[in-house]
Amino acid sequence: GHVVAARVPRLLLRHRRTGIELDIVESGRDPEAPAKDDLVRAWLELSPEVPVFARHLRAWVREHRAELPRDEGYPNSFLLLVSGFWFLS
């Protein structure tokens, strides 16, 4: 994967068999990372449809990454995901 602009160092990995992308951030660089993980995990556990929705939303964000540059003020993928969760509520 490729991150155009990030506030903290990150590593993107893709699992070969499943194609699942992992976005890894050193927790010491983002003190809010555990709370963000807890929030996403709580939403994903609400219903079997939520992880499906989240995967589709993340795929859409990746597909349109060039059209949503953070340096021009567009939200990052986490904020878009949380906004999507809000839309579900």
Protein backbone atom coordinates (compact mmCIF):
# COMPACT_ATOMS: atom_id res chain seq x y z
CA GLY A 1 0.00 0.00 0.00
CA HIS A 2 0.91 3.63 -0.21
CA VAL A 3 0.14 6.48 2.19
CA VAL A 4 0.44 9.89 0.56
CA ALA A 5 0.28 11.95 3.75
CA ALA A 6 0.27 10.76 7.36
CA ARG A 7 0.66 12.54 10.69
CA VAL A 8 2.46 9.51 12.13
CA PRO A 9 4.70 6.85 10.55
CA ARG A 10 2.66 3.90 9.34
CA LEU A 11 3.08 0.65 7.50
CA LEU A 12 0.50 -0.82 5.11
CA LEU A 13 0.53 -4.57 4.59
CA ARG A 14 -1.73 -6.83 2.53
CA HIS A 15 -2.37 -10.45 3.50
CA ARG A 16 -1.64 -12.50 0.37
CA ARG A 17 -4.39 -15.10 0.68
CA THR A 18 -7.27 -12.89 1.82
CA GLY A 19 -6.24 -9.54 0.35
CA ILE A 20 -7.02 -7.87 3.70
CA GLU A 21 -5.05 -4.65 4.15
CA LEU A 22 -3.50 -3.89 7.53
CA ASP A 23 -2.70 -0.31 8.47
CA ILE A 24 -0.09 -0.41 11.24
CA VAL A 25 0.77 2.62 13.36
CA GLU A 26 3.26 2.63 16.21
CA SER A 27 1.00 3.12 19.23
CA GLY A 28 3.51 5.44 20.90
CA ARG A 29 3.20 7.85 17.95
CA ASP A 30 -0.59 8.00 18.14
CA PRO A 31 -1.69 7.92 21.77
CA GLU A 32 -5.32 7.69 20.63
CA ALA A 33 -4.70 4.46 18.66
CA PRO A 34 -6.03 2.08 21.38
CA ALA A 35 -9.23 4.13 21.78
CA LYS A 36 -9.69 4.25 18.00
CA ASP A 37 -9.21 0.48 17.81
CA ASP A 38 -11.77 -0.05 20.58
CA LEU A 39 -14.29 2.19 18.81
CA VAL A 40 -13.93 0.38 15.48
CA ARG A 41 -14.00 -3.05 17.17
CA ALA A 42 -17.20 -2.15 19.05
CA TRP A 43 -18.92 -1.09 15.82
CA LEU A 44 -17.75 -4.19 13.95
CA GLU A 45 -19.24 -6.42 16.65
CA LEU A 46 -22.72 -4.83 16.46
CA SER A 47 -23.95 -6.77 13.44
CA PRO A 48 -22.59 -9.05 10.69
CA GLU A 49 -23.46 -6.33 8.16
CA VAL A 50 -21.16 -3.75 9.76
CA PRO A 51 -17.84 -5.42 8.77
CA VAL A 52 -19.16 -5.85 5.22
CA PHE A 53 -20.10 -2.16 5.10
CA ALA A 54 -16.72 -1.17 6.55
CA ARG A 55 -14.82 -3.23 3.95
CA HIS A 56 -16.82 -1.65 1.12
CA LEU A 57 -16.27 1.83 2.53
CA ARG A 58 -12.53 1.28 2.99
CA ALA A 59 -12.28 -0.08 -0.57
CA TRP A 60 -14.09 3.00 -1.87
CA VAL A 61 -11.70 5.26 0.05
CA ARG A 62 -8.67 3.40 -1.37
CA GLU A 63 -10.12 3.63 -4.88
CA HIS A 64 -10.67 7.39 -4.57
CA ARG A 65 -7.54 8.18 -2.53
CA ALA A 66 -6.10 10.43 -5.27
CA GLU A 67 -9.31 12.48 -5.31
CA LEU A 68 -9.28 12.99 -1.51
CA PRO A 69 -5.85 14.48 -0.71
CA ARG A 70 -5.36 15.11 3.01
CA ASP A 71 -3.10 18.07 2.29
CA GLU A 72 -6.16 19.76 0.74
CA GLY A 73 -8.23 19.18 3.86
CA TYR A 74 -10.04 15.94 2.99
CA PRO A 75 -10.56 13.56 5.93
CA ASN A 76 -8.38 10.50 6.43
CA SER A 77 -9.71 6.96 6.09
CA PHE A 78 -10.38 6.62 9.84
CA LEU A 79 -12.59 9.72 9.89
CA LEU A 80 -14.43 8.51 6.78
CA LEU A 81 -14.97 5.13 8.45
CA VAL A 82 -16.30 6.74 11.66
CA SER A 83 -18.56 8.96 9.52
CA GLY A 84 -19.83 5.81 7.82
CA PHE A 85 -20.57 4.26 11.22
CA TRP A 86 -22.47 7.42 12.18
CA PHE A 87 -24.48 7.08 8.95
CA LEU A 88 -25.46 3.53 10.03
CA SER A 89 -26.81 4.76 13.35
